[in-house]
C-alpha atoms as a PDB file:
ATOM      1  CA  UNK A   1     126.836  93.912  60.951  1.00  0.00           C
ATOM      2  CA  UNK A   2     129.782  91.608  61.491  1.00  0.00           C
ATOM      3  CA  UNK A   3     130.267  88.963  64.157  1.00  0.00           C
ATOM      4  CA  UNK A   4     132.435  91.180  66.374  1.00  0.00           C
ATOM      5  CA  UNK A   5     129.809  93.926  66.508  1.00  0.00           C
ATOM      6  CA  UNK A   6     127.101  91.394  67.351  1.00  0.00           C
ATOM      7  CA  UNK A   7     129.221  90.029  70.199  1.00  0.00           C
ATOM      8  CA  UNK A   8     129.772  93.562  71.501  1.00  0.00           C
ATOM      9  CA  UNK A   9     126.031  94.292  71.469  1.00  0.00           C
ATOM     10  CA  UNK A  10     125.251  90.925  73.094  1.00  0.00           C
ATOM     11  CA  UNK A  11     127.811  91.625  75.831  1.00  0.00           C
ATOM     12  CA  UNK A  12     126.218  94.977  76.564  1.00  0.00           C
ATOM     13  CA  UNK A  13     122.773  93.418  76.872  1.00  0.00           C
ATOM     14  CA  UNK A  14     124.117  90.704  79.163  1.00  0.00           C
ATOM     15  CA  UNK A  15     125.435  93.392  81.534  1.00  0.00           C
ATOM     16  CA  UNK A  16     122.048  95.119  81.776  1.00  0.00           C
ATOM     17  CA  UNK A  17     120.060  91.859  81.888  1.00  0.00           C
ATOM     18  CA  UNK A  18     120.017  91.592  85.738  1.00  0.00           C
ATOM     19  CA  UNK A  19     118.708  95.150  86.079  1.00  0.00           C
ATOM     20  CA  UNK A  20     116.092  94.621  83.353  1.00  0.00           C
ATOM     21  CA  UNK A  21     114.997  91.361  84.983  1.00  0.00           C
ATOM     22  CA  UNK A  22     114.573  92.991  88.391  1.00  0.00           C
ATOM     23  CA  UNK A  23     112.695  95.888  86.790  1.00  0.00           C
ATOM     24  CA  UNK A  24     110.339  93.516  84.986  1.00  0.00           C
ATOM     25  CA  UNK A  25     109.695  91.340  88.052  1.00  0.00           C
ATOM     26  CA  UNK A  26     109.252  94.010  90.689  1.00  0.00           C
ATOM     27  CA  UNK A  27     107.852  96.978  88.731  1.00  0.00           C
ATOM     28  CA  UNK A  28     106.576  96.241  85.222  1.00  0.00           C
ATOM     29  CA  UNK A  29     104.711  93.008  86.059  1.00  0.00           C
ATOM     30  CA  UNK A  30     103.037  94.349  89.245  1.00  0.00           C
ATOM     31  CA  UNK A  31     102.115  97.550  87.383  1.00  0.00           C
ATOM     32  CA  UNK A  32     100.417  95.605  84.569  1.00  0.00           C
ATOM     33  CA  UNK A  33      98.778  93.278  87.091  1.00  0.00           C
ATOM     34  CA  UNK A  34      97.338  96.312  88.872  1.00  0.00           C
ATOM     35  CA  UNK A  35      95.543  97.395  85.698  1.00  0.00           C
ATOM     36  CA  UNK A  36      94.251  93.868  85.176  1.00  0.00           C
ATOM     37  CA  UNK A  37      92.903  93.646  88.731  1.00  0.00           C
ATOM     38  CA  UNK A  38      91.192  97.032  88.463  1.00  0.00           C
ATOM     39  CA  UNK A  39      88.662  95.761  85.924  1.00  0.00           C
ATOM     40  CA  UNK A  40      87.711  92.657  87.915  1.00  0.00           C
ATOM     41  CA  UNK A  41      85.802  92.013  91.129  1.00  0.00           C
ATOM     42  CA  UNK A  42      87.972  89.586  93.101  1.00  0.00           C
ATOM     43  CA  UNK A  43      88.313  88.934  96.827  1.00  0.00           C
ATOM     44  CA  UNK A  44      91.743  87.279  96.660  1.00  0.00           C
ATOM     45  CA  UNK A  45      90.332  83.974  97.941  1.00  0.00           C
ATOM     46  CA  UNK A  46      88.351  82.382  95.126  1.00  0.00           C
ATOM     47  CA  UNK A  47      90.323  81.104  92.113  1.00  0.00           C
ATOM     48  CA  UNK A  48      91.202  83.800  89.617  1.00  0.00           C
ATOM     49  CA  UNK A  49      89.109  82.154  86.889  1.00  0.00           C
ATOM     50  CA  UNK A  50      86.033  82.894  89.022  1.00  0.00           C
ATOM     51  CA  UNK A  51      86.757  86.623  89.202  1.00  0.00           C
ATOM     52  CA  UNK A  52      83.966  88.755  87.727  1.00  0.00           C
ATOM     53  CA  UNK A  53      84.830  91.179  84.945  1.00  0.00           C
ATOM     54  CA  UNK A  54      83.292  94.591  85.723  1.00  0.00           C
ATOM     55  CA  UNK A  55      85.103  96.821  83.240  1.00  0.00           C
ATOM     56  CA  UNK A  56      85.318 100.434  84.401  1.00  0.00           C
ATOM     57  CA  UNK A  57      82.653 100.019  87.085  1.00  0.00           C
ATOM     58  CA  UNK A  58      85.159 100.472  89.912  1.00  0.00           C
ATOM     59  CA  UNK A  59      86.360 103.785  88.478  1.00  0.00           C
ATOM     60  CA  UNK A  60      82.773 104.957  88.038  1.00  0.00           C
ATOM     61  CA  UNK A  61      81.940 104.138  91.653  1.00  0.00           C
ATOM     62  CA  UNK A  62      85.034 105.960  92.896  1.00  0.00           C
ATOM     63  CA  UNK A  63      84.185 109.173  91.067  1.00  0.00           C
ATOM     64  CA  UNK A  64      80.442 109.118  91.747  1.00  0.00           C
ATOM     65  CA  UNK A  65      79.779 107.275  94.998  1.00  0.00           C
ATOM     66  CA  UNK A  66      82.955 107.014  97.110  1.00  0.00           C
ATOM     67  CA  UNK A  67      82.825 110.230  99.136  1.00  0.00           C
ATOM     68  CA  UNK A  68      85.110 108.694 101.802  1.00  0.00           C
ATOM     69  CA  UNK A  69      87.896 108.388  99.218  1.00  0.00           C
ATOM     70  CA  UNK A  70      87.665 112.043  98.211  1.00  0.00           C
ATOM     71  CA  UNK A  71      87.498 113.040 101.866  1.00  0.00           C
ATOM     72  CA  UNK A  72      90.778 111.188 102.426  1.00  0.00           C
ATOM     73  CA  UNK A  73      92.254 113.013  99.406  1.00  0.00           C
ATOM     74  CA  UNK A  74      91.141 116.348 100.828  1.00  0.00           C
ATOM     75  CA  UNK A  75      92.643 115.541 104.236  1.00  0.00           C
ATOM     76  CA  UNK A  76      95.927 114.451 102.676  1.00  0.00           C
ATOM     77  CA  UNK A  77      95.827 117.676 100.650  1.00  0.00           C
ATOM     78  CA  UNK A  78      95.489 119.718 103.848  1.00  0.00           C
ATOM     79  CA  UNK A  79      98.497 117.951 105.399  1.00  0.00           C
ATOM     80  CA  UNK A  80     100.421 118.526 102.169  1.00  0.00           C
ATOM     81  CA  UNK A  81      99.548 122.238 102.083  1.00  0.00           C
ATOM     82  CA  UNK A  82     100.707 122.640 105.683  1.00  0.00           C
ATOM     83  CA  UNK A  83     103.941 120.806 104.865  1.00  0.00           C
ATOM     84  CA  UNK A  84     104.547 122.896 101.742  1.00  0.00           C
ATOM     85  CA  UNK A  85     104.144 126.153 103.648  1.00  0.00           C
ATOM     86  CA  UNK A  86     105.476 125.589 107.147  1.00  0.00           C
ATOM     87  CA  UNK A  87     107.815 122.600 106.770  1.00  0.00           C
ATOM     88  CA  UNK A  88     109.618 124.001 103.737  1.00  0.00           C
ATOM     89  CA  UNK A  89     109.641 127.573 105.046  1.00  0.00           C
ATOM     90  CA  UNK A  90     111.338 126.361 108.236  1.00  0.00           C
ATOM     91  CA  UNK A  91     113.745 124.217 106.204  1.00  0.00           C
ATOM     92  CA  UNK A  92     114.657 127.201 103.989  1.00  0.00           C
ATOM     93  CA  UNK A  93     115.277 129.519 106.949  1.00  0.00           C
ATOM     94  CA  UNK A  94     117.505 126.963 108.652  1.00  0.00           C
ATOM     95  CA  UNK A  95     119.335 126.211 105.397  1.00  0.00           C
ATOM     96  CA  UNK A  96     119.986 129.927 104.842  1.00  0.00           C
ATOM     97  CA  UNK A  97     121.301 130.238 108.398  1.00  0.00           C
ATOM     98  CA  UNK A  98     123.683 127.284 108.007  1.00  0.00           C
ATOM     99  CA  UNK A  99     124.759 128.473 104.549  1.00  0.00           C
ATOM    100  CA  UNK A 100     125.808 131.822 106.044  1.00  0.00           C
ATOM    101  CA  UNK A 101     128.243 130.014 108.310  1.00  0.00           C
ATOM    102  CA  UNK A 102     126.633 130.430 111.725  1.00  0.00           C
ATOM    103  CA  UNK A 103     128.539 129.091 114.688  1.00  0.00           C
ATOM    104  CA  UNK A 104     128.258 125.284 115.165  1.00  0.00           C
ATOM    105  CA  UNK A 105     126.597 124.900 111.737  1.00  0.00           C
ATOM    106  CA  UNK A 106     127.800 121.291 111.410  1.00  0.00           C
ATOM    107  CA  UNK A 107     126.180 120.337 114.698  1.00  0.00           C
ATOM    108  CA  UNK A 108     122.911 121.935 113.615  1.00  0.00           C
ATOM    109  CA  UNK A 109     122.979 120.008 110.349  1.00  0.00           C
ATOM    110  CA  UNK A 110     123.233 116.756 112.273  1.00  0.00           C
ATOM    111  CA  UNK A 111     120.452 117.736 114.697  1.00  0.00           C
ATOM    112  CA  UNK A 112     118.091 118.840 111.913  1.00  0.00           C
ATOM    113  CA  UNK A 113     118.582 115.565 110.090  1.00  0.00           C
ATOM    114  CA  UNK A 114     117.803 113.381 113.117  1.00  0.00           C
ATOM    115  CA  UNK A 115     113.965 113.391 112.797  1.00  0.00           C
ATOM    116  CA  UNK A 116     113.908 111.994 109.229  1.00  0.00           C
ATOM    117  CA  UNK A 117     116.181 109.147 110.317  1.00  0.00           C
ATOM    118  CA  UNK A 118     113.539 107.997 112.803  1.00  0.00           C
ATOM    119  CA  UNK A 119     111.009 105.488 111.518  1.00  0.00           C
ATOM    120  CA  UNK A 120     107.522 106.914 111.137  1.00  0.00           C
ATOM    121  CA  UNK A 121     106.195 104.465 113.729  1.00  0.00           C
ATOM    122  CA  UNK A 122     108.791 105.650 116.258  1.00  0.00           C
ATOM    123  CA  UNK A 123     108.019 109.310 115.566  1.00  0.00           C
ATOM    124  CA  UNK A 124     104.320 108.572 115.964  1.00  0.00           C
ATOM    125  CA  UNK A 125     104.857 106.857 119.314  1.00  0.00           C
ATOM    126  CA  UNK A 126     106.963 109.779 120.587  1.00  0.00           C
ATOM    127  CA  UNK A 127     104.271 112.281 119.627  1.00  0.00           C
ATOM    128  CA  UNK A 128     101.548 110.051 121.061  1.00  0.00           C
ATOM    129  CA  UNK A 129     103.155 110.675 124.420  1.00  0.00           C
ATOM    130  CA  UNK A 130     103.461 114.413 123.772  1.00  0.00           C
ATOM    131  CA  UNK A 131      99.806 114.710 122.688  1.00  0.00           C
ATOM    132  CA  UNK A 132      98.351 112.375 125.321  1.00  0.00           C
ATOM    133  CA  UNK A 133      95.227 113.907 126.854  1.00  0.00           C
ATOM    134  CA  UNK A 134      95.969 112.761 130.405  1.00  0.00           C
ATOM    135  CA  UNK A 135      99.744 112.640 130.776  1.00  0.00           C
ATOM    136  CA  UNK A 136     100.978 114.396 127.653  1.00  0.00           C
ATOM    137  CA  UNK A 137     103.907 116.790 127.721  1.00  0.00           C
ATOM    138  CA  UNK A 138     102.020 119.417 125.686  1.00  0.00           C
ATOM    139  CA  UNK A 139      99.089 119.590 128.089  1.00  0.00           C
ATOM    140  CA  UNK A 140     101.485 119.641 131.040  1.00  0.00           C
ATOM    141  CA  UNK A 141     103.285 122.738 129.782  1.00  0.00           C
ATOM    142  CA  UNK A 142     100.076 124.450 128.736  1.00  0.00           C
ATOM    143  CA  UNK A 143      98.853 124.031 132.310  1.00  0.00           C
ATOM    144  CA  UNK A 144     102.162 125.244 133.746  1.00  0.00           C
ATOM    145  CA  UNK A 145     102.047 128.512 131.776  1.00  0.00           C
ATOM    146  CA  UNK A 146      98.408 129.217 132.580  1.00  0.00           C
ATOM    147  CA  UNK A 147      96.871 127.976 129.326  1.00  0.00           C
ATOM    148  CA  UNK A 148      95.344 124.831 130.767  1.00  0.00           C
ATOM    149  CA  UNK A 149      91.981 125.634 129.174  1.00  0.00           C
ATOM    150  CA  UNK A 150      93.568 124.756 125.820  1.00  0.00           C
ATOM    151  CA  UNK A 151      94.530 121.259 127.020  1.00  0.00           C
ATOM    152  CA  UNK A 152      92.737 118.401 125.311  1.00  0.00           C
ATOM    153  CA  UNK A 153      93.186 114.933 123.846  1.00  0.00           C
ATOM    154  CA  UNK A 154      94.785 116.294 120.694  1.00  0.00           C
ATOM    155  CA  UNK A 155      94.689 113.113 118.619  1.00  0.00           C
ATOM    156  CA  UNK A 156      91.179 112.117 119.734  1.00  0.00           C
ATOM    157  CA  UNK A 157      89.529 115.478 119.082  1.00  0.00           C
ATOM    158  CA  UNK A 158      88.181 115.718 115.538  1.00  0.00           C
ATOM    159  CA  UNK A 159      88.902 119.469 115.539  1.00  0.00           C
ATOM    160  CA  UNK A 160      92.627 119.069 116.221  1.00  0.00           C
ATOM    161  CA  UNK A 161      93.564 115.545 115.107  1.00  0.00           C
ATOM    162  CA  UNK A 162      94.388 116.383 111.484  1.00  0.00           C
ATOM    163  CA  UNK A 163      96.482 119.447 112.378  1.00  0.00           C
ATOM    164  CA  UNK A 164      98.269 117.443 115.074  1.00  0.00           C
ATOM    165  CA  UNK A 165      99.183 114.728 112.569  1.00  0.00           C
ATOM    166  CA  UNK A 166     100.350 117.383 110.099  1.00  0.00           C
ATOM    167  CA  UNK A 167     102.677 118.840 112.747  1.00  0.00           C
ATOM    168  CA  UNK A 168     104.206 115.407 113.343  1.00  0.00           C
ATOM    169  CA  UNK A 169     104.757 114.960 109.627  1.00  0.00           C
ATOM    170  CA  UNK A 170     106.364 118.411 109.290  1.00  0.00           C
ATOM    171  CA  UNK A 171     108.632 117.773 112.280  1.00  0.00           C
ATOM    172  CA  UNK A 172     109.775 114.479 110.817  1.00  0.00           C
ATOM    173  CA  UNK A 173     110.076 115.656 107.214  1.00  0.00           C
ATOM    174  CA  UNK A 174     111.668 119.096 107.332  1.00  0.00           C
ATOM    175  CA  UNK A 175     115.165 117.578 107.614  1.00  0.00           C
ATOM    176  CA  UNK A 176     114.964 116.205 104.059  1.00  0.00           C
ATOM    177  CA  UNK A 177     113.964 119.591 102.686  1.00  0.00           C
ATOM    178  CA  UNK A 178     116.703 121.222 104.757  1.00  0.00           C
ATOM    179  CA  UNK A 179     119.436 118.985 103.319  1.00  0.00           C
ATOM    180  CA  UNK A 180     118.306 119.482  99.708  1.00  0.00           C
ATOM    181  CA  UNK A 181     117.915 123.251 100.074  1.00  0.00           C
ATOM    182  CA  UNK A 182     121.268 123.586 101.817  1.00  0.00           C
ATOM    183  CA  UNK A 183     122.956 121.618  99.030  1.00  0.00           C
ATOM    184  CA  UNK A 184     121.365 123.943  96.485  1.00  0.00           C
ATOM    185  CA  UNK A 185     122.488 127.055  98.339  1.00  0.00           C
ATOM    186  CA  UNK A 186     126.061 125.861  98.625  1.00  0.00           C
ATOM    187  CA  UNK A 187     126.534 125.439  94.876  1.00  0.00           C
ATOM    188  CA  UNK A 188     125.632 129.073  94.182  1.00  0.00           C
ATOM    189  CA  UNK A 189     128.917 130.890  93.403  1.00  0.00           C
ATOM    190  CA  UNK A 190     129.907 133.259  96.214  1.00  0.00           C
ATOM    191  CA  UNK A 191     131.136 135.728  93.598  1.00  0.00           C
ATOM    192  CA  UNK A 192     127.543 136.516  92.665  1.00  0.00           C
ATOM    193  CA  UNK A 193     126.779 137.677  96.197  1.00  0.00           C
ATOM    194  CA  UNK A 194     129.958 139.733  96.304  1.00  0.00           C
ATOM    195  CA  UNK A 195     129.077 141.370  92.985  1.00  0.00           C
ATOM    196  CA  UNK A 196     125.575 142.139  94.236  1.00  0.00           C
ATOM    197  CA  UNK A 197     127.038 143.669  97.396  1.00  0.00           C
ATOM    198  CA  UNK A 198     129.363 145.854  95.344  1.00  0.00           C
ATOM    199  CA  UNK A 199     126.338 147.059  93.367  1.00  0.00           C
ATOM    200  CA  UNK A 200     124.713 148.157  96.618  1.00  0.00           C
ATOM    201  CA  UNK A 201     122.313 145.256  97.120  1.00  0.00           C
ATOM    202  CA  UNK A 202     121.277 144.495 100.681  1.00  0.00           C
ATOM    203  CA  UNK A 203     120.573 140.997 102.040  1.00  0.00           C
ATOM    204  CA  UNK A 204     116.973 140.967 100.789  1.00  0.00           C
ATOM    205  CA  UNK A 205     117.973 142.148  97.320  1.00  0.00           C
ATOM    206  CA  UNK A 206     120.639 139.442  97.103  1.00  0.00           C
ATOM    207  CA  UNK A 207     118.134 136.822  98.144  1.00  0.00           C
ATOM    208  CA  UNK A 208     115.510 138.048  95.671  1.00  0.00           C
ATOM    209  CA  UNK A 209     117.783 138.566  92.663  1.00  0.00           C
ATOM    210  CA  UNK A 210     120.484 135.939  93.187  1.00  0.00           C
ATOM    211  CA  UNK A 211     119.294 133.164  95.473  1.00  0.00           C
ATOM    212  CA  UNK A 212     115.680 132.826  94.332  1.00  0.00           C
ATOM    213  CA  UNK A 213     116.255 132.558  90.553  1.00  0.00           C
ATOM    214  CA  UNK A 214     119.123 130.082  90.918  1.00  0.00           C
ATOM    215  CA  UNK A 215     117.207 127.980  93.449  1.00  0.00           C
ATOM    216  CA  UNK A 216     114.092 127.488  91.299  1.00  0.00           C
ATOM    217  CA  UNK A 217     115.080 123.938  90.168  1.00  0.00           C
ATOM    218  CA  UNK A 218     115.835 122.997  93.790  1.00  0.00           C
ATOM    219  CA  UNK A 219     112.527 124.468  94.975  1.00  0.00           C
ATOM    220  CA  UNK A 220     110.706 122.399  92.362  1.00  0.00           C
ATOM    221  CA  UNK A 221     112.434 119.211  93.531  1.00  0.00           C
ATOM    222  CA  UNK A 222     111.586 119.975  97.147  1.00  0.00           C
ATOM    223  CA  UNK A 223     107.962 120.763  96.309  1.00  0.00           C
ATOM    224  CA  UNK A 224     107.522 117.587  94.251  1.00  0.00           C
ATOM    225  CA  UNK A 225     109.141 115.405  96.922  1.00  0.00           C
ATOM    226  CA  UNK A 226     107.036 117.072  99.623  1.00  0.00           C
ATOM    227  CA  UNK A 227     103.818 116.469  97.704  1.00  0.00           C
ATOM    228  CA  UNK A 228     104.666 112.877  96.818  1.00  0.00           C
ATOM    229  CA  UNK A 229     105.885 112.065 100.322  1.00  0.00           C
ATOM    230  CA  UNK A 230     103.049 113.767 102.191  1.00  0.00           C
ATOM    231  CA  UNK A 231     100.220 112.496 100.011  1.00  0.00           C
ATOM    232  CA  UNK A 232     101.520 108.970 100.657  1.00  0.00           C
ATOM    233  CA  UNK A 233     101.822 109.412 104.429  1.00  0.00           C
ATOM    234  CA  UNK A 234     100.798 106.238 106.232  1.00  0.00           C
ATOM    235  CA  UNK A 235     103.078 105.091 109.052  1.00  0.00           C
ATOM    236  CA  UNK A 236     102.489 108.199 111.189  1.00  0.00           C
ATOM    237  CA  UNK A 237      98.717 107.799 110.785  1.00  0.00           C
ATOM    238  CA  UNK A 238      98.911 104.159 111.856  1.00  0.00           C
ATOM    239  CA  UNK A 239     101.055 104.992 114.893  1.00  0.00           C
ATOM    240  CA  UNK A 240      98.803 107.824 116.081  1.00  0.00           C
ATOM    241  CA  UNK A 241      95.154 107.882 115.018  1.00  0.00           C
ATOM    242  CA  UNK A 242      94.634 104.900 112.674  1.00  0.00           C
ATOM    243  CA  UNK A 243      92.445 107.204 110.597  1.00  0.00           C
ATOM    244  CA  UNK A 244      90.250 108.365 113.479  1.00  0.00           C
ATOM    245  CA  UNK A 245      88.495 109.978 115.112  1.00  0.00           C
ATOM    246  CA  UNK A 246      85.509 109.258 112.867  1.00  0.00           C
ATOM    247  CA  UNK A 247      87.736 109.046 109.759  1.00  0.00           C
ATOM    248  CA  UNK A 248      88.950 112.650 110.216  1.00  0.00           C
ATOM    249  CA  UNK A 249      92.584 111.668 109.625  1.00  0.00           C
ATOM    250  CA  UNK A 250      92.126 109.044 106.938  1.00  0.00           C
ATOM    251  CA  UNK A 251      94.423 109.458 103.936  1.00  0.00           C
ATOM    252  CA  UNK A 252      94.462 107.734 100.526  1.00  0.00           C
ATOM    253  CA  UNK A 253      96.847 104.947 101.552  1.00  0.00           C
ATOM    254  CA  UNK A 254      94.665 103.964 104.523  1.00  0.00           C
ATOM    255  CA  UNK A 255      91.582 103.926 102.263  1.00  0.00           C
ATOM    256  CA  UNK A 256      93.358 101.718  99.722  1.00  0.00           C
ATOM    257  CA  UNK A 257      94.497  99.303 102.431  1.00  0.00           C
ATOM    258  CA  UNK A 258      90.996  99.283 103.949  1.00  0.00           C
ATOM    259  CA  UNK A 259      89.587  98.203 100.586  1.00  0.00           C
ATOM    260  CA  UNK A 260      92.369  95.647 100.156  1.00  0.00           C
ATOM    261  CA  UNK A 261      92.626  94.026 103.585  1.00  0.00           C
ATOM    262  CA  UNK A 262      89.448  95.156 105.317  1.00  0.00           C
ATOM    263  CA  UNK A 263      86.893  94.525 102.560  1.00  0.00           C
ATOM    264  CA  UNK A 264      88.962  92.093 100.434  1.00  0.00           C
ATOM    265  CA  UNK A 265      88.086  94.070  97.313  1.00  0.00           C
ATOM    266  CA  UNK A 266      91.312  93.662  95.392  1.00  0.00           C
ATOM    267  CA  UNK A 267      89.924  95.115  92.166  1.00  0.00           C
ATOM    268  CA  UNK A 268      88.508  98.192  93.852  1.00  0.00           C
ATOM    269  CA  UNK A 269      91.745  98.785  95.777  1.00  0.00           C
ATOM    270  CA  UNK A 270      93.689  98.512  92.501  1.00  0.00           C
ATOM    271  CA  UNK A 271      91.423 101.106  90.887  1.00  0.00           C
ATOM    272  CA  UNK A 272      91.971 103.436  93.841  1.00  0.00           C
ATOM    273  CA  UNK A 273      95.724 102.973  93.490  1.00  0.00           C
ATOM    274  CA  UNK A 274      95.635 103.775  89.775  1.00  0.00           C
ATOM    275  CA  UNK A 275      93.631 106.973  90.304  1.00  0.00           C
ATOM    276  CA  UNK A 276      95.904 108.009  93.153  1.00  0.00           C
ATOM    277  CA  UNK A 277      99.027 107.391  91.085  1.00  0.00           C
ATOM    278  CA  UNK A 278      97.630 109.326  88.118  1.00  0.00           C
ATOM    279  CA  UNK A 279      96.787 112.312  90.321  1.00  0.00           C
ATOM    280  CA  UNK A 280     100.320 112.427  91.728  1.00  0.00           C
ATOM    281  CA  UNK A 281     101.792 112.003  88.240  1.00  0.00           C
ATOM    282  CA  UNK A 282      99.741 114.877  86.817  1.00  0.00           C
ATOM    283  CA  UNK A 283     100.645 117.158  89.728  1.00  0.00           C
ATOM    284  CA  UNK A 284     104.350 116.367  89.265  1.00  0.00           C
ATOM    285  CA  UNK A 285     104.212 117.020  85.511  1.00  0.00           C
ATOM    286  CA  UNK A 286     102.411 120.341  86.037  1.00  0.00           C
ATOM    287  CA  UNK A 287     105.048 121.466  88.537  1.00  0.00           C
ATOM    288  CA  UNK A 288     107.910 120.468  86.240  1.00  0.00           C
ATOM    289  CA  UNK A 289     106.315 122.303  83.315  1.00  0.00           C
ATOM    290  CA  UNK A 290     105.706 125.392  85.456  1.00  0.00           C
ATOM    291  CA  UNK A 291     109.344 125.400  86.571  1.00  0.00           C
ATOM    292  CA  UNK A 292     110.496 125.248  82.950  1.00  0.00           C
ATOM    293  CA  UNK A 293     108.341 128.258  82.095  1.00  0.00           C
ATOM    294  CA  UNK A 294     109.767 130.183  85.041  1.00  0.00           C
ATOM    295  CA  UNK A 295     113.351 129.385  83.961  1.00  0.00           C
ATOM    296  CA  UNK A 296     112.605 130.572  80.424  1.00  0.00           C
ATOM    297  CA  UNK A 297     111.417 133.918  81.758  1.00  0.00           C
END
């Protein structure tokens, strides 16, 4: 390798050095530090050299003794399932409507994308007012239409709090799914629909035989983003229930932060974060693999 080639290689590395440095400082180092913390018992106050090495004890306790953690996983799973079904179904219907060129489609696109632009705290505060047990808009209209017996403090009732939070999350999140699905629909060649129509296919046949197969990669992206986003929901919980009533709306992120800031168990919180990240990673990989099998068929 001559001097000119070495200079060329060195120049290339110099160009990527800032990005590599930022990656190492803000991702690689914290990630490695997380694994280090997970095998120690440390409260974040005493000097690090006084931290107690516990090995895999934190992971053992999580799997065997921490029922509250698995309850938070189950509750986040319920919110995610609701989002996967109702949020994405609504987003797909609206995307199909806008893709067909309904009147004022551009205005609808803007309106549908407004909720995701709102901060989660703001969305939570808006819905706090809607769900309020005494002066809430929902109870007011239920009473006006003769269904006042259904009125309640929606976010304080353990039977309705989780569903109420899930509705807020779906309302705020469906705009992202709508934009992605609409983008996927608009890249499907119109000639395919025209050919299907010539062959005698009705709207359902065109959807089943043209739209669905070509949208599989987009559906996978939407599903993965929905799962990752919903399982990590936090701001809406903080703005509405703070995990209550009686921990019925606690989710993994609130449990991790409770261990970190509430109990000052930095090692245990790190172990929770690792398990949570691995679960999301495995789910994502399974979905990607399943989508590849579907495409091959």
